[in-house]
Amino acid sequence: MSEKLRLRFEKTGRAIYISHLDLMATMQRAFSRAGLELKYSEGFNPHPLISILLPLSVGTASVCELMDFRLRETEDCHVTPELLKALPERLTAVLPEGIRATEAYPAERKSAQLKWLDVMGILEYDAG
């Protein structure tokens, strides 16, 4: 079984209007365009093994979004430190404006444990 990996990415600018389901489809296409094969579930209706940990509301920007995924290891693609280092650049090159991958690393904590992390946010109000 392949190792669960985590991608940190930003969703800003015009991309804040992309819905969660469209963002999932965008990410699936980006992996394909970057030449990276996602691992699929087994069963009657296989689907890519990706999940965005805390989906944002439409219209909300973030510079620290997290997505878990698994890559299908083939002769051409083995999960190595070099691949993880190059992965954000490869994905960003094929992602739409406003979505930028910043870091990829092995997921050491389960996604359920992330709710206990300290988070800082800035809320801005435009009276215009």
Foldseek 3Di string as FASTA:
>chain_A
DFFKKKWWKWADDPSLQQFPVSVVVLQCVLCVQLVWAFDWDDDDDIDGPKDWLDGDDRPDTDGTTMMITGTDDDPVDDDDPVCQVCVQVSSQVRGDPRMGIDGMGGDPDDSVVVVPDDDDDDDDDDPD
